[in-house]
Amino acid sequence: MTPVDHTGGCQCGRIRYTVALDHDEAYLCHCRMCQRATGGFVATFVQVPTRAVAWVTEPDWYASSPIARRPFCSACGTPLGFMFMQDSGNMDLTLGSFDRPEAFRPVAHAGCESMHEAWLDTRDLPRHFSATTQSVASRWQAAGLEVPE
């Protein structure tokens, strides 16, 4: 696969990155460290060569454990990834921080000892869309804005 440039960043736009990738693979991590770091039942990542990431603005970093550190935006709080302290040549970027997360496909689960099975298959649950949920749409309209995607 020919390398493709992907862009991404934090919610407020202060931190931006570009990364050239020759794959479209992502994975889900269910470990408790990732659950706590992201506030979700699972974290989704794209593993990338560290040298392939070009930060437009360097992110903030914190040591999330004795073996890892995580980039984030201190202005808006967006978690941007994961990296082992002992550099392996790779790091992980959060799938949701990519401008086009739909460009990636899930290929594996990690940290399965903390997996919440009931949350994996939700296809039978009712689906509500932000633009048609009155409590959300009315607030965006009151702010003079359209509901974002």
Foldseek 3Di string as FASTA:
>chain_A
DFWDKWKFADPVPPKIKIFTDPAQEKEKEQAPLQCVLQVHNIFIWDKGQPVRIDIPDFFDKDASDPFKIWGAHPVPGGTFWIQTPPHPRITIGTLVRIPCSVSHDYDYYHNVVRHDVVPPDPPPPDDDDQCPPCVRQVVQVVVVHGDDD
